[in-house]
Amino acid sequence: KPVRAFSKGMTQKLGLAACLLSRKALYVLDEPTSGLDPKAR
């Protein structure tokens, strides 16, 4: 799906996935649970 069709929660999850798939030694996450529902949190 194009990102323009994403909800806020879907967009946040996509950003988190991009970070975590990078497998870096350090993650800097500014309000990472923003827009997430209780299950996703």
PDB file of all heavy atoms in Angstrom:
ATOM      1  N   LYS A   1       0.828  -1.205   0.000  1.00  0.00           N
ATOM      2  CA  LYS A   1       0.000   0.000   0.000  1.00  0.00           C
ATOM      3  C   LYS A   1       0.864   1.257   0.000  1.00  0.00           C
ATOM      4  O   LYS A   1       1.947   1.290   0.604  1.00  0.00           O
ATOM      5  CB  LYS A   1      -0.895   0.028   1.245  1.00  0.00           C
ATOM      6  CG  LYS A   1      -2.014  -0.993   1.260  1.00  0.00           C
ATOM      7  CD  LYS A   1      -2.840  -0.836   2.533  1.00  0.00           C
ATOM      8  CE  LYS A   1      -3.979  -1.842   2.568  1.00  0.00           C
ATOM      9  NZ  LYS A   1      -4.783  -1.722   3.806  1.00  0.00           N
ATOM     10  N   PRO A   2       0.398   2.326  -0.647  1.00  0.00           N
ATOM     11  CA  PRO A   2       1.118   3.600  -0.543  1.00  0.00           C
ATOM     12  C   PRO A   2       0.960   4.183   0.852  1.00  0.00           C
ATOM     13  O   PRO A   2      -0.088   4.016   1.497  1.00  0.00           O
ATOM     14  CB  PRO A   2       0.433   4.477  -1.596  1.00  0.00           C
ATOM     15  CG  PRO A   2      -0.932   3.892  -1.747  1.00  0.00           C
ATOM     16  CD  PRO A   2      -0.774   2.413  -1.531  1.00  0.00           C
ATOM     17  N   VAL A   3       1.980   4.869   1.299  1.00  0.00           N
ATOM     18  CA  VAL A   3       1.964   5.416   2.659  1.00  0.00           C
ATOM     19  C   VAL A   3       0.802   6.391   2.853  1.00  0.00           C
ATOM     20  O   VAL A   3       0.292   6.535   3.973  1.00  0.00           O
ATOM     21  CB  VAL A   3       3.320   6.081   2.960  1.00  0.00           C
ATOM     22  CG1 VAL A   3       3.273   6.868   4.260  1.00  0.00           C
ATOM     23  CG2 VAL A   3       4.420   5.022   3.031  1.00  0.00           C
ATOM     24  N   ARG A   4       0.366   7.058   1.788  1.00  0.00           N
ATOM     25  CA  ARG A   4      -0.742   8.009   1.942  1.00  0.00           C
ATOM     26  C   ARG A   4      -2.036   7.333   2.407  1.00  0.00           C
ATOM     27  O   ARG A   4      -2.945   8.008   2.908  1.00  0.00           O
ATOM     28  CB  ARG A   4      -0.982   8.756   0.632  1.00  0.00           C
ATOM     29  CG  ARG A   4      -1.412   7.900  -0.541  1.00  0.00           C
ATOM     30  CD  ARG A   4      -1.752   8.762  -1.759  1.00  0.00           C
ATOM     31  NE  ARG A   4      -1.976   7.941  -2.944  1.00  0.00           N
ATOM     32  CZ  ARG A   4      -1.038   7.624  -3.819  1.00  0.00           C
ATOM     33  NH1 ARG A   4       0.209   8.061  -3.633  1.00  0.00           N
ATOM     34  NH2 ARG A   4      -1.310   6.883  -4.868  1.00  0.00           N
ATOM     35  N   ALA A   5      -2.111   6.010   2.250  1.00  0.00           N
ATOM     36  CA  ALA A   5      -3.299   5.275   2.684  1.00  0.00           C
ATOM     37  C   ALA A   5      -3.181   4.771   4.114  1.00  0.00           C
ATOM     38  O   ALA A   5      -4.116   4.157   4.630  1.00  0.00           O
ATOM     39  CB  ALA A   5      -3.549   4.094   1.742  1.00  0.00           C
ATOM     40  N   PHE A   6      -2.059   5.039   4.788  1.00  0.00           N
ATOM     41  CA  PHE A   6      -1.830   4.547   6.140  1.00  0.00           C
ATOM     42  C   PHE A   6      -2.524   5.426   7.171  1.00  0.00           C
ATOM     43  O   PHE A   6      -2.594   6.642   7.031  1.00  0.00           O
ATOM     44  CB  PHE A   6      -0.332   4.538   6.455  1.00  0.00           C
ATOM     45  CG  PHE A   6       0.454   3.416   5.840  1.00  0.00           C
ATOM     46  CD1 PHE A   6       0.017   2.746   4.713  1.00  0.00           C
ATOM     47  CD2 PHE A   6       1.673   3.038   6.394  1.00  0.00           C
ATOM     48  CE1 PHE A   6       0.746   1.722   4.146  1.00  0.00           C
ATOM     49  CE2 PHE A   6       2.421   2.017   5.842  1.00  0.00           C
ATOM     50  CZ  PHE A   6       1.954   1.345   4.716  1.00  0.00           C
ATOM     51  N   SER A   7      -2.976   4.799   8.248  1.00  0.00           N
ATOM     52  CA  SER A   7      -3.397   5.541   9.431  1.00  0.00           C
ATOM     53  C   SER A   7      -2.159   6.003  10.190  1.00  0.00           C
ATOM     54  O   SER A   7      -1.030   5.597   9.874  1.00  0.00           O
ATOM     55  CB  SER A   7      -4.251   4.651  10.335  1.00  0.00           C
ATOM     56  OG  SER A   7      -3.454   3.594  10.879  1.00  0.00           O
ATOM     57  N   LYS A   8      -2.370   6.841  11.216  1.00  0.00           N
ATOM     58  CA  LYS A   8      -1.231   7.297  12.035  1.00  0.00           C
ATOM     59  C   LYS A   8      -0.522   6.111  12.690  1.00  0.00           C
ATOM     60  O   LYS A   8       0.705   6.039  12.717  1.00  0.00           O
ATOM     61  CB  LYS A   8      -1.691   8.283  13.099  1.00  0.00           C
ATOM     62  CG  LYS A   8      -0.566   8.740  14.031  1.00  0.00           C
ATOM     63  CD  LYS A   8      -1.031   9.814  14.980  1.00  0.00           C
ATOM     64  CE  LYS A   8       0.039  10.157  16.016  1.00  0.00           C
ATOM     65  NZ  LYS A   8       1.340  10.509  15.428  1.00  0.00           N
ATOM     66  N   GLY A   9      -1.311   5.166  13.215  1.00  0.00           N
ATOM     67  CA  GLY A   9      -0.711   4.003  13.859  1.00  0.00           C
ATOM     68  C   GLY A   9       0.085   3.161  12.885  1.00  0.00           C
ATOM     69  O   GLY A   9       1.189   2.686  13.204  1.00  0.00           O
ATOM     70  N   MET A  10      -0.432   2.952  11.673  1.00  0.00           N
ATOM     71  CA  MET A  10       0.287   2.183  10.656  1.00  0.00           C
ATOM     72  C   MET A  10       1.592   2.880  10.283  1.00  0.00           C
ATOM     73  O   MET A  10       2.637   2.234  10.119  1.00  0.00           O
ATOM     74  CB  MET A  10      -0.590   1.993   9.421  1.00  0.00           C
ATOM     75  CG  MET A  10      -1.781   1.086   9.610  1.00  0.00           C
ATOM     76  SD  MET A  10      -2.890   1.087   8.166  1.00  0.00           S
ATOM     77  CE  MET A  10      -1.804   0.333   6.924  1.00  0.00           C
ATOM     78  N   THR A  11       1.532   4.205  10.146  1.00  0.00           N
ATOM     79  CA  THR A  11       2.736   4.969   9.802  1.00  0.00           C
ATOM     80  C   THR A  11       3.806   4.822  10.876  1.00  0.00           C
ATOM     81  O   THR A  11       4.987   4.637  10.587  1.00  0.00           O
ATOM     82  CB  THR A  11       2.374   6.453   9.600  1.00  0.00           C
ATOM     83  OG1 THR A  11       1.398   6.567   8.575  1.00  0.00           O
ATOM     84  CG2 THR A  11       3.601   7.263   9.220  1.00  0.00           C
ATOM     85  N   GLN A  12       3.379   4.895  12.147  1.00  0.00           N
ATOM     86  CA  GLN A  12       4.319   4.746  13.250  1.00  0.00           C
ATOM     87  C   GLN A  12       4.966   3.370  13.243  1.00  0.00           C
ATOM     88  O   GLN A  12       6.178   3.228  13.441  1.00  0.00           O
ATOM     89  CB  GLN A  12       3.608   4.996  14.580  1.00  0.00           C
ATOM     90  CG  GLN A  12       4.516   5.023  15.797  1.00  0.00           C
ATOM     91  CD  GLN A  12       5.345   6.289  15.878  1.00  0.00           C
ATOM     92  OE1 GLN A  12       5.257   7.167  15.026  1.00  0.00           O
ATOM     93  NE2 GLN A  12       6.175   6.391  16.904  1.00  0.00           N
ATOM     94  N   LYS A  13       4.166   2.347  12.996  1.00  0.00           N
ATOM     95  CA  LYS A  13       4.695   0.986  12.952  1.00  0.00           C
ATOM     96  C   LYS A  13       5.694   0.822  11.816  1.00  0.00           C
ATOM     97  O   LYS A  13       6.711   0.121  11.957  1.00  0.00           O
ATOM     98  CB  LYS A  13       3.560  -0.022  12.808  1.00  0.00           C
ATOM     99  CG  LYS A  13       2.635  -0.103  14.005  1.00  0.00           C
ATOM    100  CD  LYS A  13       1.423  -0.969  13.701  1.00  0.00           C
ATOM    101  CE  LYS A  13       0.359  -0.871  14.761  1.00  0.00           C
ATOM    102  NZ  LYS A  13      -0.852  -1.669  14.415  1.00  0.00           N
ATOM    103  N   LEU A  14       5.418   1.454  10.674  1.00  0.00           N
ATOM    104  CA  LEU A  14       6.354   1.381   9.548  1.00  0.00           C
ATOM    105  C   LEU A  14       7.692   2.005   9.915  1.00  0.00           C
ATOM    106  O   LEU A  14       8.759   1.456   9.608  1.00  0.00           O
ATOM    107  CB  LEU A  14       5.756   2.081   8.330  1.00  0.00           C
ATOM    108  CG  LEU A  14       6.590   2.010   7.047  1.00  0.00           C
ATOM    109  CD1 LEU A  14       6.627   0.582   6.506  1.00  0.00           C
ATOM    110  CD2 LEU A  14       6.043   2.973   5.996  1.00  0.00           C
ATOM    111  N   GLY A  15       7.656   3.156  10.579  1.00  0.00           N
ATOM    112  CA  GLY A  15       8.898   3.798  11.008  1.00  0.00           C
ATOM    113  C   GLY A  15       9.668   2.958  12.009  1.00  0.00           C
ATOM    114  O   GLY A  15      10.893   2.844  11.943  1.00  0.00           O
ATOM    115  N   LEU A  16       8.945   2.364  12.940  1.00  0.00           N
ATOM    116  CA  LEU A  16       9.597   1.488  13.911  1.00  0.00           C
ATOM    117  C   LEU A  16      10.213   0.278  13.224  1.00  0.00           C
ATOM    118  O   LEU A  16      11.342  -0.124  13.547  1.00  0.00           O
ATOM    119  CB  LEU A  16       8.573   1.034  14.960  1.00  0.00           C
ATOM    120  CG  LEU A  16       8.131   2.098  15.955  1.00  0.00           C
ATOM    121  CD1 LEU A  16       6.848   1.676  16.659  1.00  0.00           C
ATOM    122  CD2 LEU A  16       9.235   2.365  16.986  1.00  0.00           C
ATOM    123  N   ALA A  17       9.489  -0.297  12.256  1.00  0.00           N
ATOM    124  CA  ALA A  17      10.022  -1.451  11.532  1.00  0.00           C
ATOM    125  C   ALA A  17      11.301  -1.081  10.802  1.00  0.00           C
ATOM    126  O   ALA A  17      12.283  -1.845  10.815  1.00  0.00           O
ATOM    127  CB  ALA A  17       8.979  -1.976  10.549  1.00  0.00           C
ATOM    128  N   ALA A  18      11.328   0.086  10.160  1.00  0.00           N
ATOM    129  CA  ALA A  18      12.532   0.518   9.449  1.00  0.00           C
ATOM    130  C   ALA A  18      13.722   0.643  10.391  1.00  0.00           C
ATOM    131  O   ALA A  18      14.847   0.239  10.064  1.00  0.00           O
ATOM    132  CB  ALA A  18      12.270   1.842   8.737  1.00  0.00           C
ATOM    133  N   CYS A  19      13.472   1.199  11.582  1.00  0.00           N
ATOM    134  CA  CYS A  19      14.558   1.324  12.568  1.00  0.00           C
ATOM    135  C   CYS A  19      15.055  -0.046  13.016  1.00  0.00           C
ATOM    136  O   CYS A  19      16.262  -0.325  12.983  1.00  0.00           O
ATOM    137  CB  CYS A  19      14.068   2.108  13.783  1.00  0.00           C
ATOM    138  SG  CYS A  19      14.034   3.882  13.586  1.00  0.00           S
ATOM    139  N   LEU A  20      14.142  -0.896  13.425  1.00  0.00           N
ATOM    140  CA  LEU A  20      14.533  -2.169  14.029  1.00  0.00           C
ATOM    141  C   LEU A  20      15.122  -3.134  13.009  1.00  0.00           C
ATOM    142  O   LEU A  20      15.972  -3.963  13.354  1.00  0.00           O
ATOM    143  CB  LEU A  20      13.334  -2.787  14.738  1.00  0.00           C
ATOM    144  CG  LEU A  20      12.730  -1.932  15.859  1.00  0.00           C
ATOM    145  CD1 LEU A  20      11.529  -2.627  16.485  1.00  0.00           C
ATOM    146  CD2 LEU A  20      13.766  -1.594  16.926  1.00  0.00           C
ATOM    147  N   LEU A  21      14.720  -3.030  11.748  1.00  0.00           N
ATOM    148  CA  LEU A  21      15.303  -3.882  10.712  1.00  0.00           C
ATOM    149  C   LEU A  21      16.735  -3.487  10.382  1.00  0.00           C
ATOM    150  O   LEU A  21      17.481  -4.273   9.796  1.00  0.00           O
ATOM    151  CB  LEU A  21      14.454  -3.830   9.440  1.00  0.00           C
ATOM    152  CG  LEU A  21      13.145  -4.625   9.470  1.00  0.00           C
ATOM    153  CD1 LEU A  21      12.286  -4.273   8.264  1.00  0.00           C
ATOM    154  CD2 LEU A  21      13.419  -6.129   9.512  1.00  0.00           C
ATOM    155  N   SER A  22      17.141  -2.290  10.769  1.00  0.00           N
ATOM    156  CA  SER A  22      18.519  -1.847  10.499  1.00  0.00           C
ATOM    157  C   SER A  22      19.537  -2.575  11.366  1.00  0.00           C
ATOM    158  O   SER A  22      20.726  -2.572  11.052  1.00  0.00           O
ATOM    159  CB  SER A  22      18.636  -0.340  10.726  1.00  0.00           C
ATOM    160  OG  SER A  22      18.548  -0.026  12.118  1.00  0.00           O
ATOM    161  N   ARG A  23      19.079  -3.163  12.476  1.00  0.00           N
ATOM    162  CA  ARG A  23      19.945  -3.926  13.371  1.00  0.00           C
ATOM    163  C   ARG A  23      21.142  -3.112  13.862  1.00  0.00           C
ATOM    164  O   ARG A  23      22.270  -3.606  13.938  1.00  0.00           O
ATOM    165  CB  ARG A  23      20.435  -5.216  12.701  1.00  0.00           C
ATOM    166  CG  ARG A  23      19.314  -6.140  12.234  1.00  0.00           C
ATOM    167  CD  ARG A  23      18.427  -6.549  13.370  1.00  0.00           C
ATOM    168  NE  ARG A  23      17.380  -7.486  12.973  1.00  0.00           N
ATOM    169  CZ  ARG A  23      16.294  -7.749  13.694  1.00  0.00           C
ATOM    170  NH1 ARG A  23      16.107  -7.125  14.845  1.00  0.00           N
ATOM    171  NH2 ARG A  23      15.403  -8.608  13.285  1.00  0.00           N
ATOM    172  N   LYS A  24      20.890  -1.864  14.195  1.00  0.00           N
ATOM    173  CA  LYS A  24      21.945  -1.006  14.699  1.00  0.00           C
ATOM    174  C   LYS A  24      22.214  -1.284  16.177  1.00  0.00           C
ATOM    175  O   LYS A  24      21.401  -1.893  16.878  1.00  0.00           O
ATOM    176  CB  LYS A  24      21.559   0.462  14.510  1.00  0.00           C
ATOM    177  CG  LYS A  24      21.383   0.870  13.055  1.00  0.00           C
ATOM    178  CD  LYS A  24      22.682   0.760  12.272  1.00  0.00           C
ATOM    179  CE  LYS A  24      22.521   1.299  10.871  1.00  0.00           C
ATOM    180  NZ  LYS A  24      23.761   1.274  10.097  1.00  0.00           N
ATOM    181  N   ALA A  25      23.348  -0.799  16.649  1.00  0.00           N
ATOM    182  CA  ALA A  25      23.703  -0.988  18.054  1.00  0.00           C
ATOM    183  C   ALA A  25      22.903  -0.074  18.971  1.00  0.00           C
ATOM    184  O   ALA A  25      22.725  -0.368  20.153  1.00  0.00           O
ATOM    185  CB  ALA A  25      25.195  -0.732  18.253  1.00  0.00           C
ATOM    186  N   LEU A  26      22.401   1.032  18.406  1.00  0.00           N
ATOM    187  CA  LEU A  26      21.718   2.046  19.211  1.00  0.00           C
ATOM    188  C   LEU A  26      20.478   2.525  18.470  1.00  0.00           C
ATOM    189  O   LEU A  26      20.532   2.879  17.287  1.00  0.00           O
ATOM    190  CB  LEU A  26      22.660   3.232  19.459  1.00  0.00           C
ATOM    191  CG  LEU A  26      22.073   4.513  20.058  1.00  0.00           C
ATOM    192  CD1 LEU A  26      21.540   4.273  21.463  1.00  0.00           C
ATOM    193  CD2 LEU A  26      23.137   5.619  20.072  1.00  0.00           C
ATOM    194  N   TYR A  27      19.350   2.530  19.187  1.00  0.00           N
ATOM    195  CA  TYR A  27      18.120   3.083  18.660  1.00  0.00           C
ATOM    196  C   TYR A  27      17.777   4.337  19.457  1.00  0.00           C
ATOM    197  O   TYR A  27      17.713   4.298  20.690  1.00  0.00           O
ATOM    198  CB  TYR A  27      16.962   2.090  18.757  1.00  0.00           C
ATOM    199  CG  TYR A  27      17.166   0.811  17.983  1.00  0.00           C
ATOM    200  CD1 TYR A  27      16.996  -0.431  18.598  1.00  0.00           C
ATOM    201  CD2 TYR A  27      17.533   0.836  16.643  1.00  0.00           C
ATOM    202  CE1 TYR A  27      17.174  -1.608  17.892  1.00  0.00           C
ATOM    203  CE2 TYR A  27      17.731  -0.344  15.936  1.00  0.00           C
ATOM    204  CZ  TYR A  27      17.546  -1.557  16.559  1.00  0.00           C
ATOM    205  OH  TYR A  27      17.730  -2.718  15.858  1.00  0.00           O
ATOM    206  N   VAL A  28      17.538   5.443  18.757  1.00  0.00           N
ATOM    207  CA  VAL A  28      17.096   6.690  19.374  1.00  0.00           C
ATOM    208  C   VAL A  28      15.656   6.898  18.928  1.00  0.00           C
ATOM    209  O   VAL A  28      15.387   7.161  17.752  1.00  0.00           O
ATOM    210  CB  VAL A  28      17.986   7.872  18.946  1.00  0.00           C
ATOM    211  CG1 VAL A  28      17.479   9.175  19.575  1.00  0.00           C
ATOM    212  CG2 VAL A  28      19.439   7.621  19.353  1.00  0.00           C
ATOM    213  N   LEU A  29      14.729   6.772  19.872  1.00  0.00           N
ATOM    214  CA  LEU A  29      13.307   6.751  19.557  1.00  0.00           C
ATOM    215  C   LEU A  29      12.593   7.868  20.312  1.00  0.00           C
ATOM    216  O   LEU A  29      12.528   7.855  21.543  1.00  0.00           O
ATOM    217  CB  LEU A  29      12.696   5.397  19.933  1.00  0.00           C
ATOM    218  CG  LEU A  29      13.419   4.146  19.403  1.00  0.00           C
ATOM    219  CD1 LEU A  29      12.763   2.876  19.958  1.00  0.00           C
ATOM    220  CD2 LEU A  29      13.431   4.126  17.879  1.00  0.00           C
ATOM    221  N   ASP A  30      12.068   8.831  19.572  1.00  0.00           N
ATOM    222  CA  ASP A  30      11.384   9.973  20.172  1.00  0.00           C
ATOM    223  C   ASP A  30       9.883   9.676  20.205  1.00  0.00           C
ATOM    224  O   ASP A  30       9.231   9.659  19.167  1.00  0.00           O
ATOM    225  CB  ASP A  30      11.671  11.229  19.337  1.00  0.00           C
ATOM    226  CG  ASP A  30      11.352  12.521  20.079  1.00  0.00           C
ATOM    227  OD1 ASP A  30      10.882  12.436  21.230  1.00  0.00           O
ATOM    228  OD2 ASP A  30      11.577  13.602  19.501  1.00  0.00           O
ATOM    229  N   GLU A  31       9.352   9.423  21.376  1.00  0.00           N
ATOM    230  CA  GLU A  31       7.944   9.060  21.582  1.00  0.00           C
ATOM    231  C   GLU A  31       7.538   7.872  20.696  1.00  0.00           C
ATOM    232  O   GLU A  31       6.635   7.985  19.847  1.00  0.00           O
ATOM    233  CB  GLU A  31       7.029  10.259  21.312  1.00  0.00           C
ATOM    234  CG  GLU A  31       7.222  11.413  22.259  1.00  0.00           C
ATOM    235  CD  GLU A  31       6.711  11.115  23.672  1.00  0.00           C
ATOM    236  OE1 GLU A  31       5.932  10.172  23.829  1.00  0.00           O
ATOM    237  OE2 GLU A  31       7.111  11.833  24.605  1.00  0.00           O
ATOM    238  N   PRO A  32       8.170   6.717  20.870  1.00  0.00           N
ATOM    239  CA  PRO A  32       7.926   5.591  19.957  1.00  0.00           C
ATOM    240  C   PRO A  32       6.525   5.002  20.018  1.00  0.00           C
ATOM    241  O   PRO A  32       6.094   4.359  19.055  1.00  0.00           O
ATOM    242  CB  PRO A  32       8.962   4.553  20.399  1.00  0.00           C
ATOM    243  CG  PRO A  32       9.263   4.886  21.825  1.00  0.00           C
ATOM    244  CD  PRO A  32       9.190   6.389  21.884  1.00  0.00           C
ATOM    245  N   THR A  33       5.794   5.201  21.118  1.00  0.00           N
ATOM    246  CA  THR A  33       4.444   4.624  21.206  1.00  0.00           C
ATOM    247  C   THR A  33       3.359   5.581  20.705  1.00  0.00           C
ATOM    248  O   THR A  33       2.176   5.261  20.793  1.00  0.00           O
ATOM    249  CB  THR A  33       4.120   4.206  22.654  1.00  0.00           C
ATOM    250  OG1 THR A  33       4.163   5.360  23.502  1.00  0.00           O
ATOM    251  CG2 THR A  33       5.110   3.161  23.154  1.00  0.00           C
ATOM    252  N   SER A  34       3.760   6.729  20.163  1.00  0.00           N
ATOM    253  CA  SER A  34       2.788   7.706  19.686  1.00  0.00           C
ATOM    254  C   SER A  34       1.890   7.104  18.608  1.00  0.00           C
ATOM    255  O   SER A  34       2.363   6.544  17.619  1.00  0.00           O
ATOM    256  CB  SER A  34       3.513   8.928  19.118  1.00  0.00           C
ATOM    257  OG  SER A  34       2.617   9.853  18.565  1.00  0.00           O
ATOM    258  N   GLY A  35       0.575   7.205  18.805  1.00  0.00           N
ATOM    259  CA  GLY A  35      -0.376   6.733  17.817  1.00  0.00           C
ATOM    260  C   GLY A  35      -0.671   5.250  17.849  1.00  0.00           C
ATOM    261  O   GLY A  35      -1.475   4.768  17.047  1.00  0.00           O
ATOM    262  N   LEU A  36      -0.044   4.526  18.768  1.00  0.00           N
ATOM    263  CA  LEU A  36      -0.251   3.084  18.825  1.00  0.00           C
ATOM    264  C   LEU A  36      -1.413   2.731  19.751  1.00  0.00           C
ATOM    265  O   LEU A  36      -1.573   3.338  20.815  1.00  0.00           O
ATOM    266  CB  LEU A  36       1.019   2.381  19.316  1.00  0.00           C
ATOM    267  CG  LEU A  36       2.285   2.549  18.464  1.00  0.00           C
ATOM    268  CD1 LEU A  36       3.406   1.695  19.042  1.00  0.00           C
ATOM    269  CD2 LEU A  36       2.033   2.190  17.002  1.00  0.00           C
ATOM    270  N   ASP A  37      -2.191   1.727  19.348  1.00  0.00           N
ATOM    271  CA  ASP A  37      -3.268   1.245  20.206  1.00  0.00           C
ATOM    272  C   ASP A  37      -2.685   0.329  21.288  1.00  0.00           C
ATOM    273  O   ASP A  37      -1.493  -0.006  21.253  1.00  0.00           O
ATOM    274  CB  ASP A  37      -4.342   0.528  19.388  1.00  0.00           C
ATOM    275  CG  ASP A  37      -3.819  -0.687  18.630  1.00  0.00           C
ATOM    276  OD1 ASP A  37      -2.948  -1.410  19.159  1.00  0.00           O
ATOM    277  OD2 ASP A  37      -4.290  -0.928  17.509  1.00  0.00           O
ATOM    278  N   PRO A  38      -3.481  -0.061  22.294  1.00  0.00           N
ATOM    279  CA  PRO A  38      -2.945  -0.849  23.409  1.00  0.00           C
ATOM    280  C   PRO A  38      -2.251  -2.143  22.982  1.00  0.00           C
ATOM    281  O   PRO A  38      -1.211  -2.504  23.536  1.00  0.00           O
ATOM    282  CB  PRO A  38      -4.181  -1.136  24.269  1.00  0.00           C
ATOM    283  CG  PRO A  38      -5.076   0.024  24.010  1.00  0.00           C
ATOM    284  CD  PRO A  38      -4.879   0.359  22.560  1.00  0.00           C
ATOM    285  N   LYS A  39      -2.810  -2.847  21.998  1.00  0.00           N
ATOM    286  CA  LYS A  39      -2.172  -4.081  21.545  1.00  0.00           C
ATOM    287  C   LYS A  39      -0.813  -3.792  20.932  1.00  0.00           C
ATOM    288  O   LYS A  39       0.192  -4.464  21.241  1.00  0.00           O
ATOM    289  CB  LYS A  39      -3.061  -4.802  20.536  1.00  0.00           C
ATOM    290  CG  LYS A  39      -2.436  -6.086  19.987  1.00  0.00           C
ATOM    291  CD  LYS A  39      -3.304  -6.723  18.917  1.00  0.00           C
ATOM    292  CE  LYS A  39      -2.624  -7.960  18.332  1.00  0.00           C
ATOM    293  NZ  LYS A  39      -3.426  -8.555  17.228  1.00  0.00           N
ATOM    294  N   ALA A  40      -0.748  -2.787  20.069  1.00  0.00           N
ATOM    295  CA  ALA A  40       0.509  -2.459  19.411  1.00  0.00           C
ATOM    296  C   ALA A  40       1.551  -1.967  20.416  1.00  0.00           C
ATOM    297  O   ALA A  40       2.742  -2.271  20.285  1.00  0.00           O
ATOM    298  CB  ALA A  40       0.273  -1.406  18.331  1.00  0.00           C
ATOM    299  N   ARG A  41       1.113  -1.205  21.430  1.00  0.00           N
ATOM    300  CA  ARG A  41       2.046  -0.747  22.468  1.00  0.00           C
ATOM    301  C   ARG A  41       2.656  -1.946  23.196  1.00  0.00           C
ATOM    302  O   ARG A  41       3.870  -1.991  23.449  1.00  0.00           O
ATOM    303  CB  ARG A  41       1.331   0.155  23.467  1.00  0.00           C
ATOM    304  CG  ARG A  41       0.938   1.505  22.920  1.00  0.00           C
ATOM    305  CD  ARG A  41      -0.039   2.198  23.851  1.00  0.00           C
ATOM    306  NE  ARG A  41       0.611   2.624  25.083  1.00  0.00           N
ATOM    307  CZ  ARG A  41       1.022   3.862  25.311  1.00  0.00           C
ATOM    308  NH1 ARG A  41       0.858   4.796  24.385  1.00  0.00           N
ATOM    309  NH2 ARG A  41       1.582   4.183  26.454  1.00  0.00           N
TER     310      ARG A  41
END
